[in-house]
Amino acid sequence: MTSTLDWQKEALLQEMESLEEVRELLEVFLRSAEDLSTEIKRALEEGDLSKAREKAHALKGACATIFFERARVLAYDLEKAPDLECARSLFDTLENLLQSFKEEVKLQISG
């Protein structure tokens, strides 16, 4: 499953001091990604492309921090989306990817 997520877990592990630090960072990421996704979704529902782009930029940074490359690229594409239709389509893909990531990471950090 990790290969379809394109999460460079090994790079993250090399950057961190301990597994506990990795767990803490991933927990913060999951909360942050959920909050940002909610804000992006709301902005898109309200037709506020500018706000959606701003929140996508923040999400892109969060994804880069944990070496979650596929999500980072999708967030970047969403940040640069030319219109609401494109942004909504990208967000659907990104939201599904984040949900898959959350499920995989929850299994790893709870174990």
N, C-alpha and C. Protein backbone atom coordinates (compact mmCIF):
# COMPACT_ATOMS: atom_id res chain seq x y z
N MET A 1 0.81 -1.20 0.00
CA MET A 1 0.00 0.00 0.00
C MET A 1 0.86 1.27 0.00
N THR A 2 2.00 1.24 0.66
CA THR A 2 2.85 2.41 0.73
C THR A 2 3.26 2.91 -0.64
N SER A 3 3.50 2.01 -1.57
CA SER A 3 3.93 2.44 -2.90
C SER A 3 2.85 3.26 -3.60
N THR A 4 1.58 2.92 -3.42
CA THR A 4 0.52 3.71 -4.04
C THR A 4 0.36 5.05 -3.34
N LEU A 5 0.74 5.12 -2.08
CA LEU A 5 0.66 6.39 -1.35
C LEU A 5 1.81 7.32 -1.73
N ASP A 6 2.94 6.75 -2.11
CA ASP A 6 4.16 7.51 -2.39
C ASP A 6 4.59 8.31 -1.17
N TRP A 7 4.61 7.62 -0.04
CA TRP A 7 5.09 8.22 1.20
C TRP A 7 6.51 7.71 1.42
N GLN A 8 7.43 8.62 1.52
CA GLN A 8 8.84 8.26 1.69
C GLN A 8 9.16 8.15 3.18
N LYS A 9 8.62 7.11 3.76
CA LYS A 9 8.73 6.86 5.20
C LYS A 9 10.19 6.78 5.66
N GLU A 10 11.03 6.14 4.86
CA GLU A 10 12.43 5.99 5.25
C GLU A 10 13.12 7.35 5.38
N ALA A 11 12.79 8.27 4.49
CA ALA A 11 13.38 9.61 4.57
C ALA A 11 12.95 10.31 5.86
N LEU A 12 11.69 10.14 6.23
CA LEU A 12 11.21 10.72 7.48
C LEU A 12 11.93 10.11 8.68
N LEU A 13 12.07 8.80 8.67
CA LEU A 13 12.74 8.12 9.78
C LEU A 13 14.19 8.59 9.93
N GLN A 14 14.86 8.85 8.82
CA GLN A 14 16.24 9.33 8.87
C GLN A 14 16.35 10.73 9.45
N GLU A 15 15.31 11.56 9.23
CA GLU A 15 15.33 12.94 9.69
C GLU A 15 15.05 13.08 11.18
N MET A 16 14.35 12.13 11.76
CA MET A 16 13.88 12.24 13.13
C MET A 16 14.84 11.55 14.10
N GLU A 17 14.82 12.02 15.33
CA GLU A 17 15.70 11.48 16.36
C GLU A 17 15.26 10.10 16.88
N SER A 18 13.93 9.90 16.94
CA SER A 18 13.43 8.66 17.53
C SER A 18 12.08 8.30 16.90
N LEU A 19 11.68 7.07 17.13
CA LEU A 19 10.38 6.63 16.65
C LEU A 19 9.26 7.39 17.36
N GLU A 20 9.47 7.73 18.60
CA GLU A 20 8.47 8.50 19.34
C GLU A 20 8.27 9.87 18.69
N GLU A 21 9.36 10.49 18.26
CA GLU A 21 9.27 11.77 17.56
C GLU A 21 8.48 11.62 16.25
N VAL A 22 8.72 10.52 15.55
CA VAL A 22 8.00 10.25 14.30
C VAL A 22 6.51 10.11 14.60
N ARG A 23 6.17 9.35 15.63
CA ARG A 23 4.76 9.17 16.00
C ARG A 23 4.10 10.51 16.31
N GLU A 24 4.79 11.33 17.09
CA GLU A 24 4.24 12.63 17.46
C GLU A 24 4.02 13.51 16.22
N LEU A 25 4.99 13.53 15.33
CA LEU A 25 4.87 14.32 14.11
C LEU A 25 3.72 13.83 13.25
N LEU A 26 3.57 12.52 13.12
CA LEU A 26 2.49 11.97 12.32
C LEU A 26 1.13 12.28 12.94
N GLU A 27 1.04 12.25 14.26
CA GLU A 27 -0.22 12.59 14.92
C GLU A 27 -0.57 14.05 14.65
N VAL A 28 0.42 14.93 14.74
CA VAL A 28 0.19 16.35 14.44
C VAL A 28 -0.22 16.52 12.98
N PHE A 29 0.47 15.81 12.09
CA PHE A 29 0.13 15.89 10.67
C PHE A 29 -1.31 15.46 10.42
N LEU A 30 -1.71 14.34 11.01
CA LEU A 30 -3.07 13.84 10.77
C LEU A 30 -4.12 14.84 11.23
N ARG A 31 -3.92 15.46 12.38
CA ARG A 31 -4.87 16.47 12.87
C ARG A 31 -4.88 17.68 11.95
N SER A 32 -3.70 18.13 11.59
CA SER A 32 -3.57 19.31 10.73
C SER A 32 -4.18 19.05 9.35
N ALA A 33 -3.88 17.89 8.78
CA ALA A 33 -4.41 17.56 7.45
C ALA A 33 -5.94 17.48 7.49
N GLU A 34 -6.47 16.94 8.55
CA GLU A 34 -7.93 16.85 8.67
C GLU A 34 -8.55 18.25 8.76
N ASP A 35 -7.95 19.12 9.58
CA ASP A 35 -8.45 20.50 9.70
C ASP A 35 -8.36 21.24 8.37
N LEU A 36 -7.22 21.13 7.72
CA LEU A 36 -7.03 21.82 6.45
C LEU A 36 -7.98 21.28 5.38
N SER A 37 -8.18 19.97 5.36
CA SER A 37 -9.11 19.36 4.39
C SER A 37 -10.52 19.89 4.60
N THR A 38 -10.92 19.99 5.86
CA THR A 38 -12.25 20.53 6.17
C THR A 38 -12.37 21.97 5.68
N GLU A 39 -11.33 22.75 5.88
CA GLU A 39 -11.34 24.15 5.45
C GLU A 39 -11.35 24.27 3.92
N ILE A 40 -10.60 23.41 3.26
CA ILE A 40 -10.58 23.41 1.78
C ILE A 40 -11.96 23.03 1.26
N LYS A 41 -12.53 21.98 1.82
CA LYS A 41 -13.84 21.51 1.39
C LYS A 41 -14.87 22.63 1.55
N ARG A 42 -14.86 23.29 2.70
CA ARG A 42 -15.81 24.39 2.95
C ARG A 42 -15.60 25.52 1.94
N ALA A 43 -14.35 25.88 1.71
CA ALA A 43 -14.06 26.95 0.76
C ALA A 43 -14.56 26.59 -0.64
N LEU A 44 -14.35 25.36 -1.05
CA LEU A 44 -14.80 24.94 -2.38
C LEU A 44 -16.32 24.92 -2.47
N GLU A 45 -16.97 24.48 -1.39
CA GLU A 45 -18.44 24.49 -1.37
C GLU A 45 -18.98 25.92 -1.47
N GLU A 46 -18.25 26.87 -0.88
CA GLU A 46 -18.67 28.27 -0.90
C GLU A 46 -18.20 29.00 -2.17
N GLY A 47 -17.44 28.29 -3.01
CA GLY A 47 -16.95 28.90 -4.25
C GLY A 47 -15.79 29.84 -4.05
N ASP A 48 -15.09 29.70 -2.93
CA ASP A 48 -13.97 30.58 -2.59
C ASP A 48 -12.65 29.91 -2.99
N LEU A 49 -12.30 30.04 -4.27
CA LEU A 49 -11.08 29.40 -4.79
C LEU A 49 -9.83 29.96 -4.13
N SER A 50 -9.83 31.24 -3.84
CA SER A 50 -8.66 31.86 -3.21
C SER A 50 -8.37 31.24 -1.85
N LYS A 51 -9.38 31.06 -1.04
CA LYS A 51 -9.19 30.46 0.28
C LYS A 51 -8.78 29.00 0.16
N ALA A 52 -9.39 28.29 -0.78
CA ALA A 52 -9.03 26.89 -1.01
C ALA A 52 -7.55 26.78 -1.38
N ARG A 53 -7.10 27.69 -2.23
CA ARG A 53 -5.68 27.69 -2.63
C ARG A 53 -4.77 27.97 -1.44
N GLU A 54 -5.18 28.92 -0.60
CA GLU A 54 -4.37 29.26 0.59
C GLU A 54 -4.23 28.06 1.52
N LYS A 55 -5.33 27.35 1.75
CA LYS A 55 -5.29 26.18 2.63
C LYS A 55 -4.54 25.02 1.96
N ALA A 56 -4.64 24.92 0.65
CA ALA A 56 -3.88 23.89 -0.08
C ALA A 56 -2.39 24.14 0.05
N HIS A 57 -2.00 25.41 0.06
CA HIS A 57 -0.59 25.77 0.24
C HIS A 57 -0.10 25.28 1.61
N ALA A 58 -0.90 25.50 2.64
CA ALA A 58 -0.52 25.04 3.98
C ALA A 58 -0.44 23.51 4.03
N LEU A 59 -1.39 22.86 3.38
CA LEU A 59 -1.38 21.39 3.36
C LEU A 59 -0.17 20.87 2.60
N LYS A 60 0.19 21.55 1.54
CA LYS A 60 1.39 21.16 0.76
C LYS A 60 2.62 21.16 1.67
N GLY A 61 2.76 22.19 2.49
CA GLY A 61 3.89 22.26 3.41
C GLY A 61 3.88 21.15 4.43
N ALA A 62 2.70 20.85 4.95
CA ALA A 62 2.58 19.77 5.93
C ALA A 62 2.98 18.43 5.31
N CYS A 63 2.54 18.20 4.08
CA CYS A 63 2.88 16.95 3.38
C CYS A 63 4.39 16.86 3.12
N ALA A 64 4.98 17.97 2.76
CA ALA A 64 6.43 17.98 2.51
C ALA A 64 7.20 17.66 3.78
N THR A 65 6.71 18.13 4.91
CA THR A 65 7.38 17.90 6.19
C THR A 65 7.52 16.42 6.53
N ILE A 66 6.51 15.64 6.12
CA ILE A 66 6.56 14.20 6.43
C ILE A 66 6.93 13.36 5.20
N PHE A 67 7.40 14.03 4.14
CA PHE A 67 7.85 13.33 2.93
C PHE A 67 6.72 12.55 2.25
N PHE A 68 5.51 13.12 2.26
CA PHE A 68 4.35 12.51 1.61
C PHE A 68 4.21 13.15 0.24
N GLU A 69 5.01 12.65 -0.69
CA GLU A 69 5.22 13.29 -1.98
C GLU A 69 3.96 13.35 -2.85
N ARG A 70 3.22 12.27 -2.95
CA ARG A 70 2.04 12.29 -3.83
C ARG A 70 1.02 13.31 -3.35
N ALA A 71 0.81 13.38 -2.04
CA ALA A 71 -0.14 14.36 -1.49
C ALA A 71 0.41 15.77 -1.66
N ARG A 72 1.72 15.93 -1.53
CA ARG A 72 2.32 17.26 -1.71
C ARG A 72 2.07 17.76 -3.13
N VAL A 73 2.26 16.89 -4.10
CA VAL A 73 2.05 17.28 -5.50
C VAL A 73 0.58 17.61 -5.75
N LEU A 74 -0.32 16.81 -5.21
CA LEU A 74 -1.75 17.09 -5.38
C LEU A 74 -2.13 18.42 -4.72
N ALA A 75 -1.60 18.67 -3.54
CA ALA A 75 -1.89 19.94 -2.85
C ALA A 75 -1.33 21.11 -3.66
N TYR A 76 -0.14 20.92 -4.24
CA TYR A 76 0.44 21.96 -5.10
C TYR A 76 -0.45 22.22 -6.31
N ASP A 77 -0.90 21.14 -6.95
CA ASP A 77 -1.78 21.28 -8.11
C ASP A 77 -3.07 21.99 -7.73
N LEU A 78 -3.60 21.66 -6.56
CA LEU A 78 -4.81 22.31 -6.08
C LEU A 78 -4.55 23.80 -5.82
N GLU A 79 -3.41 24.09 -5.25
CA GLU A 79 -3.03 25.48 -5.00
C GLU A 79 -2.98 26.29 -6.30
N LYS A 80 -2.60 25.65 -7.38
CA LYS A 80 -2.46 26.31 -8.68
C LYS A 80 -3.66 26.08 -9.61
N ALA A 81 -4.72 25.46 -9.10
CA ALA A 81 -5.88 25.13 -9.94
C ALA A 81 -6.43 26.37 -10.63
N PRO A 82 -6.73 26.27 -11.92
CA PRO A 82 -7.19 27.43 -12.68
C PRO A 82 -8.65 27.82 -12.41
N ASP A 83 -9.44 26.85 -11.91
CA ASP A 83 -10.86 27.16 -11.67
C ASP A 83 -11.42 26.21 -10.61
N LEU A 84 -12.64 26.49 -10.19
CA LEU A 84 -13.28 25.70 -9.13
C LEU A 84 -13.49 24.25 -9.53
N GLU A 85 -13.89 24.01 -10.76
CA GLU A 85 -14.13 22.64 -11.21
C GLU A 85 -12.86 21.79 -11.10
N CYS A 86 -11.78 22.32 -11.56
CA CYS A 86 -10.49 21.63 -11.47
C CYS A 86 -10.10 21.44 -10.01
N ALA A 87 -10.26 22.48 -9.21
CA ALA A 87 -9.91 22.41 -7.79
C ALA A 87 -10.73 21.34 -7.08
N ARG A 88 -11.99 21.27 -7.37
CA ARG A 88 -12.86 20.26 -6.73
C ARG A 88 -12.43 18.85 -7.11
N SER A 89 -12.09 18.65 -8.35
CA SER A 89 -11.65 17.34 -8.81
C SER A 89 -10.34 16.94 -8.12
N LEU A 90 -9.40 17.88 -8.06
CA LEU A 90 -8.13 17.60 -7.39
C LEU A 90 -8.34 17.33 -5.91
N PHE A 91 -9.24 18.10 -5.30
CA PHE A 91 -9.49 17.91 -3.88
C PHE A 91 -10.08 16.53 -3.60
N ASP A 92 -10.99 16.06 -4.45
CA ASP A 92 -11.56 14.72 -4.27
C ASP A 92 -10.45 13.66 -4.24
N THR A 93 -9.54 13.77 -5.18
CA THR A 93 -8.42 12.83 -5.24
C THR A 93 -7.53 12.95 -4.00
N LEU A 94 -7.24 14.19 -3.62
CA LEU A 94 -6.39 14.43 -2.45
C LEU A 94 -7.06 13.93 -1.18
N GLU A 95 -8.33 14.19 -1.03
CA GLU A 95 -9.06 13.76 0.16
C GLU A 95 -9.04 12.23 0.30
N ASN A 96 -9.23 11.53 -0.80
CA ASN A 96 -9.18 10.05 -0.79
C ASN A 96 -7.79 9.56 -0.42
N LEU A 97 -6.78 10.20 -0.96
CA LEU A 97 -5.40 9.82 -0.65
C LEU A 97 -5.10 10.04 0.83
N LEU A 98 -5.51 11.17 1.36
CA LEU A 98 -5.28 11.46 2.78
C LEU A 98 -6.00 10.45 3.68
N GLN A 99 -7.18 10.03 3.27
CA GLN A 99 -7.92 9.03 4.05
C GLN A 99 -7.18 7.69 4.04
N SER A 100 -6.67 7.29 2.90
CA SER A 100 -5.89 6.05 2.81
C SER A 100 -4.63 6.15 3.67
N PHE A 101 -3.98 7.30 3.62
CA PHE A 101 -2.79 7.51 4.42
C PHE A 101 -3.12 7.42 5.91
N LYS A 102 -4.19 8.07 6.30
CA LYS A 102 -4.61 8.06 7.71
C LYS A 102 -4.83 6.63 8.19
N GLU A 103 -5.51 5.83 7.38
CA GLU A 103 -5.77 4.44 7.76
C GLU A 103 -4.47 3.65 7.92
N GLU A 104 -3.55 3.85 6.99
CA GLU A 104 -2.29 3.12 7.08
C GLU A 104 -1.45 3.57 8.28
N VAL A 105 -1.37 4.87 8.47
CA VAL A 105 -0.54 5.40 9.56
C VAL A 105 -1.12 5.05 10.92
N LYS A 106 -2.44 5.09 11.06
CA LYS A 106 -3.06 4.74 12.33
C LYS A 106 -2.68 3.32 12.73
N LEU A 107 -2.62 2.42 11.78
CA LEU A 107 -2.21 1.05 12.06
C LEU A 107 -0.77 1.00 12.55
N GLN A 108 0.08 1.82 11.96
CA GLN A 108 1.50 1.79 12.30
C GLN A 108 1.80 2.47 13.64
N ILE A 109 1.13 3.61 13.92
CA ILE A 109 1.48 4.33 15.13
C ILE A 109 0.75 3.78 16.36
N SER A 110 -0.28 2.99 16.13
CA SER A 110 -0.97 2.40 17.28
C SER A 110 -0.32 1.08 17.69
N GLY A 111 0.50 0.56 16.80
CA GLY A 111 1.09 -0.74 17.04
C GLY A 111 2.37 -0.77 17.75
